[in-house]
Every structure is written in C-alpha cells, then in structure tokens.
Amino acid sequence: MRDLITTVVQALVNNPRMVHVSEMQGENISIYELTVAKEDRGRIIGKQGQTVKSLRTILNAVSSRENRKAVLEIVE
C-alpha cells in the first residue's frame, strides 16, 4: 500500500524526490503519513480537498479487502 501511495503522489507533484511515506500498523488500522515539498502540498490536497479525498477513497477500497482501515495524513 505504501508503494501505491508513493507512486500516485510522485506522479502528481513537481518534486517527486521529496515524497516520503511512513507507515504505522495497528491491529485493524494502517496509518500513512505523507510528506511532500512545501510547494507541492496544495497540489496533493487539491481544490476543496478533492485530490486527497480521492487518494483516501482508493486506500480505503484496497484496505477493505483485508478488513482493515487506512488513514492518510499529510504532514507539514
């Protein structure tokens, strides 16, 4: 899942080398912390949060196959 997030986000940003995803696992939850360059944060969030909402929807669809919940947080 971490690779999926990294691949998608790198395709969206201007500085793909600055993309970093850290993962924390719980019993039924995975928390992903996304760090991107400051100038790319707006690009990841998108207009009215649509881009990050779409990323979260994809993550939840994939993780639900494993009966898990996925949380994506953007770190400043």
Protein backbone atom coordinates (compact mmCIF):
# COMPACT_ATOMS: atom_id res chain seq x y z
CA MET A 1 0.00 0.00 0.00
CA ARG A 2 2.88 2.31 0.80
CA ASP A 3 4.27 1.79 -2.71
CA LEU A 4 0.86 2.60 -4.20
CA ILE A 5 0.70 5.91 -2.34
CA THR A 6 4.27 6.79 -3.30
CA THR A 7 3.73 6.02 -6.99
CA VAL A 8 0.50 8.01 -7.27
CA VAL A 9 1.79 11.01 -5.33
CA GLN A 10 5.08 11.14 -7.23
CA ALA A 11 3.08 11.38 -10.46
CA LEU A 12 1.16 14.38 -9.09
CA VAL A 13 3.94 16.55 -7.65
CA ASN A 14 6.70 18.70 -9.14
CA ASN A 15 9.35 17.33 -6.74
CA PRO A 16 8.92 13.54 -6.71
CA ARG A 17 12.18 13.03 -4.82
CA MET A 18 10.71 14.87 -1.84
CA VAL A 19 7.86 12.37 -1.43
CA HIS A 20 8.13 10.26 1.71
CA VAL A 21 5.51 7.90 3.11
CA SER A 22 5.82 6.40 6.58
CA GLU A 23 3.54 3.63 7.79
CA MET A 24 2.33 2.71 11.25
CA GLN A 25 0.40 -0.53 11.75
CA GLY A 26 -2.21 -1.24 14.37
CA GLU A 27 -4.41 -4.28 14.87
CA ASN A 28 -7.04 -3.29 12.29
CA ILE A 29 -5.70 0.03 11.05
CA SER A 30 -2.81 1.34 8.99
CA ILE A 31 -1.81 4.98 9.29
CA TYR A 32 0.19 6.52 6.46
CA GLU A 33 1.95 9.84 6.93
CA LEU A 34 2.70 11.61 3.67
CA THR A 35 5.43 14.23 3.48
CA VAL A 36 5.91 16.29 0.31
CA ALA A 37 7.72 19.51 -0.55
CA LYS A 38 6.01 22.60 0.82
CA GLU A 39 5.19 23.88 -2.67
CA ASP A 40 3.50 20.57 -3.56
CA ARG A 41 1.12 20.39 -0.58
CA GLY A 42 -1.59 22.33 -2.37
CA ARG A 43 -1.29 20.05 -5.37
CA ILE A 44 -1.82 16.98 -3.16
CA ILE A 45 -4.73 18.49 -1.26
CA GLY A 46 -6.38 19.77 -4.44
CA LYS A 47 -9.26 22.14 -4.93
CA GLN A 48 -11.56 21.86 -1.90
CA GLY A 49 -9.59 18.77 -0.81
CA GLN A 50 -10.74 16.67 -3.76
CA THR A 51 -7.34 15.13 -4.58
CA VAL A 52 -6.57 13.95 -1.05
CA LYS A 53 -10.15 12.75 -0.67
CA SER A 54 -9.74 10.64 -3.81
CA LEU A 55 -6.46 9.19 -2.52
CA ARG A 56 -8.15 8.26 0.75
CA THR A 57 -11.02 6.60 -1.14
CA ILE A 58 -8.58 4.44 -3.10
CA LEU A 59 -6.72 3.49 0.09
CA ASN A 60 -9.91 2.51 1.86
CA ALA A 61 -11.06 0.43 -1.12
CA VAL A 62 -7.79 -1.50 -1.20
CA SER A 63 -7.52 -1.93 2.58
CA SER A 64 -11.14 -3.07 2.95
CA ARG A 65 -10.23 -6.23 1.03
CA GLU A 66 -8.10 -7.12 4.07
CA ASN A 67 -10.74 -5.96 6.60
CA ARG A 68 -8.51 -3.08 7.65
CA LYS A 69 -8.92 0.67 7.79
CA ALA A 70 -6.42 3.04 6.18
CA VAL A 71 -5.78 6.61 7.29
CA LEU A 72 -3.77 9.06 5.19
CA GLU A 73 -2.35 12.12 6.92
CA ILE A 74 -0.41 14.91 5.24
CA VAL A 75 2.49 16.03 7.41
CA GLU A 76 3.55 19.67 7.30
